[in-house]
Amino acid sequence: MYQIHSAKIKTSLYLVQPWRLSLQFLKLNRIQVAFLGLAVLLFSFQNCSSGFEAMNSSSSLGYSNINQGVNTAECTPQATGAPAKLSQTCFGKLTPTLTSQTGSYTNYFQYEPQYPLYSDGASKRRWVYLPPGQTINTSDPDNWIFPKGTIFYKEFSLGGQKIETRQIEKLTDANGPTAWRFSTYAWTTDQADAELAIGGFYSQSPDQLARFSAASVQSVYKIPSTTTCLACHDGAVDVVNGFNYLQLSSRATQFNLSQASRAHFFSLPPAFPDQIPGTDLDKKVVGYIQSNCAICHGGIGPGTGDFKHSSLSQKLADEPLMTTAATLNLITKGNPDASLLYIKFSTGLMPQVHPITPDAQGIADMRSCLAFMKLRVQFRPSTIPS
């Protein structure tokens, strides 16, 4: 940032030099020359000031603008239980066609984490609803606390067909799984609506199951039970995994950190985006682990150790993943095949919710990262023993 503005000043000063060659022909006295030079400098500083304002404004992170619209969404989770159909939920109310974008609201947005959870190859769309006038408690940047009435939706599709939409609603002011209600809606084959999927969804008769698009893809994708969902959400202080400081800190994603700040989502708006230290491959793999491993191994259980990224990390060795890997001997530098982390992941022993279809790209990236680690570790401090 400072280099940019220093360059502007230096350029302006440099441009003054040729003018000195012409001043003798203008026959200006020293006072007139001084005023002329001052005018040029004031012009350059005005441009610099505009640059600082742009960089320190809500768009200072380089994010694109967002059309917040004029409508405030208002919807309250039903106290009597989740509705029988998705169209009867807040999702149906706020997204009448079930396919429209949500940019016309000031507190209901479609978003995308920069490091998404792998879900057997399913494509996903996500929405967040924040009650009017409420904010997320971001006093701890790595552990956000959501207000009562917050609702998240996540839609899963395969082959262009919607399979399920999950709804989680915060019903109380407490934190953790007991404060939230989890509901899953299975889409019918005509894609007209989705119905509440209760326990034993796949134990229905073939004729009953055939009504749902999930029936035709169950060899490669299955709708998880509520218990299975909780297994992944127990590791977060307030349940939510994909909507946090790190996950929103990307210029490329929908409704990112800067846009959420302008929408007044935060009690303490972050001053700058969060990022994982290291190379692009480090960021990619450690970020992948955040979504696929740290949701259980996040320091508060149920998994052992702490893989969860810390926004205080200044270098890769500072990451909790690296210190945990050293303590539990999870990584052998330069040798993925001898690294317990890679072995468990590549053989399907982890994550705990085993994918039906292995994530070939994620496995390959992890292997490359661990293989390359030995070449780089000698040039930076590390807590991983040799």
Protein backbone atom coordinates (compact mmCIF):
# COMPACT_ATOMS: atom_id res chain seq x y z
CA MET A 1 0.00 0.00 0.00
CA TYR A 2 2.69 2.45 0.99
CA GLN A 3 4.74 1.55 -2.03
CA ILE A 4 1.84 2.50 -4.28
CA HIS A 5 1.40 5.90 -2.75
CA SER A 6 5.15 6.53 -2.48
CA ALA A 7 5.30 5.81 -6.18
CA LYS A 8 2.60 8.41 -6.81
CA ILE A 9 4.53 11.02 -4.85
CA LYS A 10 7.80 10.11 -6.51
CA THR A 11 6.16 10.27 -9.93
CA SER A 12 4.72 13.71 -9.18
CA LEU A 13 8.09 14.98 -8.00
CA TYR A 14 9.75 13.44 -11.00
CA LEU A 15 7.31 15.25 -13.30
CA VAL A 16 8.30 18.57 -11.74
CA GLN A 17 11.90 18.16 -12.95
CA PRO A 18 11.27 18.72 -16.69
CA TRP A 19 9.27 21.82 -15.82
CA ARG A 20 12.41 23.33 -14.28
CA LEU A 21 13.97 23.25 -17.72
CA SER A 22 11.12 25.40 -19.03
CA LEU A 23 10.94 27.86 -16.16
CA GLN A 24 13.81 29.91 -17.52
CA PHE A 25 11.79 30.53 -20.66
CA LEU A 26 8.73 31.56 -18.60
CA LYS A 27 10.90 34.04 -16.67
CA LEU A 28 9.22 33.17 -13.34
CA ASN A 29 10.76 34.38 -10.09
CA ARG A 30 11.52 32.05 -7.20
CA ILE A 31 8.28 32.82 -5.33
CA GLN A 32 6.20 32.01 -8.40
CA VAL A 33 8.18 28.83 -8.92
CA ALA A 34 7.59 27.83 -5.29
CA PHE A 35 3.83 28.34 -5.64
CA LEU A 36 3.79 26.33 -8.83
CA GLY A 37 5.67 23.46 -7.17
CA LEU A 38 3.36 23.57 -4.17
CA ALA A 39 0.32 23.32 -6.44
CA VAL A 40 1.75 20.23 -8.11
CA LEU A 41 2.46 18.57 -4.75
CA LEU A 42 -1.00 19.39 -3.40
CA PHE A 43 -2.51 17.82 -6.50
CA SER A 44 -0.44 14.67 -6.01
CA PHE A 45 -1.30 14.42 -2.30
CA GLN A 46 -4.98 14.85 -3.13
CA ASN A 47 -4.72 11.83 -5.38
CA CYS A 48 -2.86 9.95 -2.64
CA SER A 49 -5.56 10.89 -0.15
CA SER A 50 -8.20 9.49 -2.45
CA GLY A 51 -6.18 6.31 -2.71
CA PHE A 52 -5.90 5.98 1.07
CA GLU A 53 -9.64 6.54 1.47
CA ALA A 54 -10.36 3.88 -1.12
CA MET A 55 -8.02 1.41 0.56
CA ASN A 56 -9.32 2.12 4.05
CA SER A 57 -12.99 2.06 3.08
CA SER A 58 -15.18 -1.03 3.10
CA SER A 59 -13.84 -1.89 -0.34
CA SER A 60 -10.23 -1.71 0.86
CA LEU A 61 -9.87 -5.46 0.66
CA GLY A 62 -10.29 -5.31 -3.08
CA TYR A 63 -13.75 -6.85 -3.03
CA SER A 64 -16.44 -5.94 -5.52
CA ASN A 65 -19.44 -3.94 -4.43
CA ILE A 66 -22.70 -5.59 -3.45
CA ASN A 67 -26.22 -4.49 -4.17
CA GLN A 68 -27.85 -4.74 -0.77
CA GLY A 69 -31.27 -3.82 -2.11
CA VAL A 70 -34.02 -2.17 -0.12
CA ASN A 71 -35.87 -5.07 1.50
CA THR A 72 -35.28 -6.29 5.03
CA ALA A 73 -36.08 -9.97 5.36
CA GLU A 74 -38.18 -10.94 8.37
CA CYS A 75 -38.72 -14.53 9.32
CA THR A 76 -38.88 -16.39 12.62
CA PRO A 77 -38.23 -20.13 13.09
CA GLN A 78 -41.43 -21.98 13.99
CA ALA A 79 -41.48 -22.85 17.68
CA THR A 80 -43.71 -25.87 17.05
CA GLY A 81 -41.15 -27.64 14.90
CA ALA A 82 -39.79 -27.67 11.38
CA PRO A 83 -42.48 -27.38 8.67
CA ALA A 84 -43.32 -30.42 6.54
CA LYS A 85 -42.16 -28.80 3.31
CA LEU A 86 -39.25 -26.55 2.40
CA SER A 87 -41.61 -24.11 0.68
CA GLN A 88 -43.22 -23.50 4.09
CA THR A 89 -39.94 -22.54 5.74
CA CYS A 90 -38.22 -19.16 5.77
CA PHE A 91 -36.34 -20.34 2.68
CA GLY A 92 -39.62 -20.65 0.81
CA LYS A 93 -40.80 -17.29 2.09
CA LEU A 94 -37.61 -15.40 1.26
CA THR A 95 -36.85 -17.18 -2.00
CA PRO A 96 -40.30 -17.61 -3.59
CA THR A 97 -39.11 -19.41 -6.73
CA LEU A 98 -36.59 -21.49 -4.75
CA THR A 99 -34.02 -20.65 -7.44
CA SER A 100 -33.70 -16.85 -7.34
CA GLN A 101 -30.71 -14.93 -6.05
CA THR A 102 -30.99 -13.29 -2.64
CA GLY A 103 -29.26 -9.97 -3.30
CA SER A 104 -32.48 -8.00 -2.93
CA TYR A 105 -32.37 -8.32 0.86
CA THR A 106 -30.19 -6.54 3.39
CA ASN A 107 -29.96 -9.48 5.82
CA TYR A 108 -30.45 -12.62 3.71
CA PHE A 109 -27.64 -13.56 1.34
CA GLN A 110 -26.26 -16.39 -0.72
CA TYR A 111 -22.65 -17.08 0.21
CA GLU A 112 -19.81 -19.51 -0.48
CA PRO A 113 -16.87 -20.46 1.79
CA GLN A 114 -13.45 -20.30 0.17
CA TYR A 115 -12.58 -23.80 1.45
CA PRO A 116 -15.76 -25.90 1.03
CA LEU A 117 -16.44 -29.27 2.61
CA TYR A 118 -16.16 -32.19 0.22
CA SER A 119 -19.55 -33.89 -0.11
CA ASP A 120 -19.21 -36.84 -2.48
CA GLY A 121 -18.90 -34.56 -5.48
CA ALA A 122 -22.17 -32.72 -4.86
CA SER A 123 -22.41 -29.08 -5.86
CA LYS A 124 -23.77 -26.75 -3.19
CA ARG A 125 -25.47 -23.43 -2.65
CA ARG A 126 -25.75 -21.74 0.74
CA TRP A 127 -27.82 -18.94 2.28
CA VAL A 128 -27.64 -17.09 5.58
CA TYR A 129 -30.40 -15.15 7.32
CA LEU A 130 -29.67 -12.77 10.19
CA PRO A 131 -32.58 -11.31 12.20
CA PRO A 132 -33.13 -7.58 11.57
CA GLY A 133 -31.06 -5.38 13.87
CA GLN A 134 -28.95 -8.29 15.16
CA THR A 135 -25.22 -8.86 14.71
CA ILE A 136 -22.82 -11.77 15.00
CA ASN A 137 -20.63 -11.54 18.09
CA THR A 138 -17.17 -11.41 16.51
CA SER A 139 -15.25 -10.35 19.64
CA ASP A 140 -13.35 -13.64 19.27
CA PRO A 141 -12.47 -13.58 15.56
CA ASP A 142 -11.94 -17.35 15.42
CA ASN A 143 -15.16 -18.28 17.24
CA TRP A 144 -18.18 -16.33 16.11
CA ILE A 145 -21.39 -16.46 18.16
CA PHE A 146 -24.65 -16.09 16.24
CA PRO A 147 -27.77 -14.33 17.53
CA LYS A 148 -31.03 -16.12 18.21
CA GLY A 149 -33.08 -16.39 15.03
CA THR A 150 -30.11 -16.94 12.69
CA ILE A 151 -30.88 -19.45 9.93
CA PHE A 152 -28.59 -21.23 7.47
CA TYR A 153 -29.59 -23.21 4.38
CA LYS A 154 -27.42 -25.51 2.31
CA GLU A 155 -28.59 -27.12 -0.91
CA PHE A 156 -26.93 -30.22 -2.42
CA SER A 157 -27.23 -31.16 -6.09
CA LEU A 158 -25.91 -33.88 -8.38
CA GLY A 159 -26.17 -33.90 -12.14
CA GLY A 160 -28.26 -30.73 -12.10
CA GLN A 161 -30.86 -32.29 -9.79
CA LYS A 162 -31.44 -30.93 -6.28
CA ILE A 163 -31.11 -33.79 -3.78
CA GLU A 164 -31.48 -32.17 -0.36
CA THR A 165 -31.56 -28.84 1.45
CA ARG A 166 -30.47 -28.61 5.07
CA GLN A 167 -31.77 -26.01 7.48
CA ILE A 168 -30.23 -25.07 10.81
CA GLU A 169 -32.02 -22.52 12.98
CA LYS A 170 -30.83 -20.95 16.21
CA LEU A 171 -33.72 -21.13 18.67
CA THR A 172 -32.17 -19.82 21.90
CA ASP A 173 -29.49 -17.40 23.11
CA ALA A 174 -27.24 -20.25 24.24
CA ASN A 175 -24.26 -21.56 22.25
CA GLY A 176 -23.61 -24.98 20.79
CA PRO A 177 -25.76 -27.77 19.29
CA THR A 178 -28.53 -27.58 21.90
CA ALA A 179 -29.31 -24.02 20.79
CA TRP A 180 -29.91 -25.04 17.18
CA ARG A 181 -32.49 -27.12 15.32
CA PHE A 182 -31.30 -29.25 12.40
CA SER A 183 -33.73 -30.20 9.64
CA THR A 184 -33.20 -31.91 6.29
CA TYR A 185 -35.52 -31.66 3.29
CA ALA A 186 -35.42 -34.22 0.46
CA TRP A 187 -36.31 -32.94 -2.99
CA THR A 188 -38.98 -34.71 -5.01
CA THR A 189 -38.12 -35.96 -8.49
CA ASP A 190 -40.19 -33.20 -10.13
CA GLN A 191 -38.05 -30.64 -8.24
CA ALA A 192 -41.22 -28.76 -7.26
CA ASP A 193 -40.56 -28.90 -3.51
CA ALA A 194 -38.65 -30.75 -0.81
CA GLU A 195 -40.17 -32.69 2.08
CA LEU A 196 -38.93 -33.02 5.65
CA ALA A 197 -36.80 -36.15 5.88
CA ILE A 198 -37.19 -37.83 9.23
CA GLY A 199 -35.24 -40.75 10.69
CA GLY A 200 -35.21 -43.88 8.56
CA PHE A 201 -35.47 -42.03 5.26
CA TYR A 202 -33.80 -44.84 3.33
CA SER A 203 -35.85 -47.51 5.08
CA GLN A 204 -38.93 -46.46 3.14
CA SER A 205 -40.36 -48.85 0.58
CA PRO A 206 -38.90 -48.60 -2.95
CA ASP A 207 -42.11 -47.00 -4.21
CA GLN A 208 -42.06 -44.37 -1.46
CA LEU A 209 -38.36 -43.63 -1.94
CA ALA A 210 -38.77 -43.36 -5.71
CA ARG A 211 -40.62 -40.06 -5.19
CA PHE A 212 -37.35 -38.41 -4.24
CA SER A 213 -34.35 -37.55 -6.41
CA ALA A 214 -32.11 -39.03 -3.71
CA ALA A 215 -33.25 -42.53 -4.71
CA SER A 216 -31.49 -42.49 -8.07
CA VAL A 217 -28.09 -41.41 -6.69
CA GLN A 218 -27.85 -43.36 -3.44
CA SER A 219 -25.00 -45.48 -4.80
CA VAL A 220 -22.79 -42.36 -4.88
CA TYR A 221 -24.53 -39.99 -2.46
CA LYS A 222 -26.71 -40.42 0.61
CA ILE A 223 -28.59 -37.89 2.72
CA PRO A 224 -27.03 -38.04 6.20
CA SER A 225 -29.03 -38.38 9.38
CA THR A 226 -29.33 -35.53 11.88
CA THR A 227 -26.97 -37.46 14.17
CA THR A 228 -24.38 -37.55 11.40
CA CYS A 229 -24.79 -33.81 10.81
CA LEU A 230 -24.20 -33.13 14.50
CA ALA A 231 -21.01 -35.20 14.39
CA CYS A 232 -19.51 -32.53 12.13
CA HIS A 233 -21.02 -29.51 13.89
CA ASP A 234 -20.12 -30.47 17.47
CA GLY A 235 -16.58 -29.21 16.93
CA ALA A 236 -17.58 -25.56 16.48
CA VAL A 237 -18.20 -23.25 19.44
CA ASP A 238 -21.53 -22.24 17.95
CA VAL A 239 -22.24 -25.03 15.44
CA VAL A 240 -21.55 -23.22 12.15
CA ASN A 241 -18.47 -24.36 10.18
CA GLY A 242 -18.49 -22.67 6.79
CA PHE A 243 -19.40 -19.10 7.74
CA ASN A 244 -16.48 -17.62 9.65
CA TYR A 245 -13.56 -15.20 9.51
CA LEU A 246 -11.33 -17.41 7.36
CA GLN A 247 -14.04 -18.78 5.09
CA LEU A 248 -15.34 -15.34 4.11
CA SER A 249 -11.87 -13.82 3.59
CA SER A 250 -11.73 -14.21 -0.17
CA ARG A 251 -12.23 -11.75 -3.00
CA ALA A 252 -13.60 -14.51 -5.21
CA THR A 253 -16.47 -15.78 -3.07
CA GLN A 254 -20.04 -14.54 -2.93
CA PHE A 255 -20.95 -12.31 0.01
CA ASN A 256 -17.46 -12.09 1.46
CA LEU A 257 -16.03 -10.44 4.56
CA SER A 258 -16.13 -6.91 3.21
CA GLN A 259 -19.70 -7.26 1.98
CA ALA A 260 -20.88 -8.77 5.25
CA SER A 261 -19.27 -5.88 7.08
CA ARG A 262 -21.14 -3.38 4.93
CA ALA A 263 -24.34 -5.29 5.64
CA HIS A 264 -23.68 -4.71 9.39
CA PHE A 265 -23.36 -8.41 10.19
CA PHE A 266 -20.55 -8.01 12.75
CA SER A 267 -20.37 -6.62 16.28
CA LEU A 268 -16.69 -5.85 15.59
CA PRO A 269 -15.99 -5.64 11.85
CA PRO A 270 -12.60 -7.20 10.99
CA ALA A 271 -10.00 -4.66 9.89
CA PHE A 272 -8.46 -6.95 7.27
CA PRO A 273 -9.04 -10.42 5.77
CA ASP A 274 -7.74 -13.58 7.39
CA GLN A 275 -5.43 -15.91 5.53
CA ILE A 276 -3.46 -19.10 6.03
CA PRO A 277 0.32 -18.43 5.90
CA GLY A 278 2.58 -20.22 3.48
CA THR A 279 2.58 -21.04 -0.21
CA ASP A 280 -0.54 -21.33 -2.35
CA LEU A 281 -0.41 -25.10 -1.89
CA ASP A 282 -0.10 -24.68 1.90
CA LYS A 283 -3.16 -22.45 1.91
CA LYS A 284 -5.09 -24.88 -0.25
CA VAL A 285 -4.29 -27.97 1.82
CA VAL A 286 -4.52 -26.40 5.29
CA GLY A 287 -7.75 -24.72 4.18
CA TYR A 288 -9.06 -28.07 2.95
CA ILE A 289 -8.23 -29.60 6.32
CA GLN A 290 -10.20 -26.82 8.02
CA SER A 291 -13.39 -27.92 6.30
CA ASN A 292 -12.82 -31.68 6.22
CA CYS A 293 -10.85 -32.42 9.41
CA ALA A 294 -10.79 -29.46 11.81
CA ILE A 295 -14.58 -29.56 12.15
CA CYS A 296 -13.98 -32.55 14.44
CA HIS A 297 -10.35 -31.94 15.38
CA GLY A 298 -10.81 -28.33 16.45
CA GLY A 299 -9.52 -28.39 19.99
CA ILE A 300 -12.89 -28.94 21.68
CA GLY A 301 -13.65 -32.39 20.29
CA PRO A 302 -14.89 -34.83 19.42
CA GLY A 303 -11.65 -35.61 17.55
CA THR A 304 -8.18 -35.64 19.11
CA GLY A 305 -5.88 -32.66 18.74
CA ASP A 306 -6.39 -29.20 17.31
CA PHE A 307 -6.19 -28.63 13.55
CA LYS A 308 -8.20 -25.42 13.58
CA HIS A 309 -6.60 -22.42 11.92
CA SER A 310 -5.72 -19.45 14.11
CA SER A 311 -6.00 -15.95 12.71
CA LEU A 312 -2.90 -15.10 14.80
CA SER A 313 -0.67 -17.44 12.77
CA GLN A 314 2.17 -15.52 11.12
CA LYS A 315 3.87 -18.50 9.47
CA LEU A 316 2.95 -22.07 8.68
CA ALA A 317 4.73 -23.38 11.78
CA ASP A 318 2.36 -21.28 13.92
CA GLU A 319 -0.68 -23.16 12.69
CA PRO A 320 -2.28 -25.42 15.35
CA LEU A 321 -2.33 -28.17 12.72
CA MET A 322 1.46 -28.15 12.59
CA THR A 323 1.99 -28.20 16.35
CA THR A 324 -0.59 -30.98 16.72
CA ALA A 325 1.05 -32.92 13.90
CA ALA A 326 4.37 -32.70 15.75
CA THR A 327 2.87 -33.83 19.06
CA LEU A 328 0.96 -36.76 17.57
CA ASN A 329 3.56 -37.64 14.91
CA LEU A 330 1.03 -37.17 12.13
CA ILE A 331 3.47 -35.91 9.51
CA THR A 332 6.77 -37.27 8.23
CA LYS A 333 8.34 -34.43 6.29
CA GLY A 334 8.84 -35.24 2.63
CA ASN A 335 7.22 -38.68 2.92
CA PRO A 336 3.41 -38.70 2.56
CA ASP A 337 3.25 -42.50 2.62
CA ALA A 338 4.78 -42.49 6.12
CA SER A 339 2.55 -39.65 7.34
CA LEU A 340 -0.35 -40.82 9.47
CA LEU A 341 -2.40 -37.80 8.40
CA TYR A 342 -2.14 -38.78 4.73
CA ILE A 343 -2.58 -42.51 5.38
CA LYS A 344 -5.84 -42.03 7.25
CA PHE A 345 -7.16 -39.58 4.71
CA SER A 346 -6.15 -41.48 1.56
CA THR A 347 -7.43 -44.85 2.81
CA GLY A 348 -10.82 -43.48 3.84
CA LEU A 349 -10.33 -43.91 7.59
CA MET A 350 -10.90 -40.18 7.91
CA PRO A 351 -12.93 -38.05 7.93
CA GLN A 352 -15.24 -39.66 10.45
CA VAL A 353 -18.19 -39.30 8.08
CA HIS A 354 -16.72 -41.48 5.35
CA PRO A 355 -17.31 -40.30 1.78
CA ILE A 356 -18.82 -42.78 -0.64
CA THR A 357 -16.74 -41.32 -3.46
CA PRO A 358 -13.15 -40.46 -2.41
CA ASP A 359 -11.97 -36.93 -3.10
CA ALA A 360 -9.15 -37.68 -5.55
CA GLN A 361 -8.12 -34.03 -5.94
CA GLY A 362 -8.00 -33.40 -2.19
CA ILE A 363 -5.88 -36.51 -1.64
CA ALA A 364 -3.49 -35.54 -4.44
CA ASP A 365 -3.09 -32.01 -3.09
CA MET A 366 -2.34 -33.29 0.41
CA ARG A 367 0.26 -35.69 -0.95
CA SER A 368 1.99 -32.92 -2.91
CA CYS A 369 2.00 -30.59 0.09
CA LEU A 370 3.56 -33.16 2.44
CA ALA A 371 6.10 -34.25 -0.17
CA PHE A 372 7.22 -30.68 -0.76
CA MET A 373 7.35 -29.80 2.94
CA LYS A 374 10.85 -31.26 3.46
CA LEU A 375 12.28 -29.00 0.78
CA ARG A 376 10.92 -25.84 2.41
CA VAL A 377 11.16 -26.54 6.11
CA GLN A 378 14.90 -25.89 6.27
CA PHE A 379 14.27 -22.27 5.25
CA ARG A 380 11.69 -21.45 7.94
CA PRO A 381 11.19 -22.25 11.63
CA SER A 382 9.15 -25.36 12.29
CA THR A 383 7.82 -27.22 15.31
CA ILE A 384 7.83 -30.53 13.46
CA PRO A 385 10.74 -32.67 14.68
CA SER A 386 13.18 -34.11 12.17
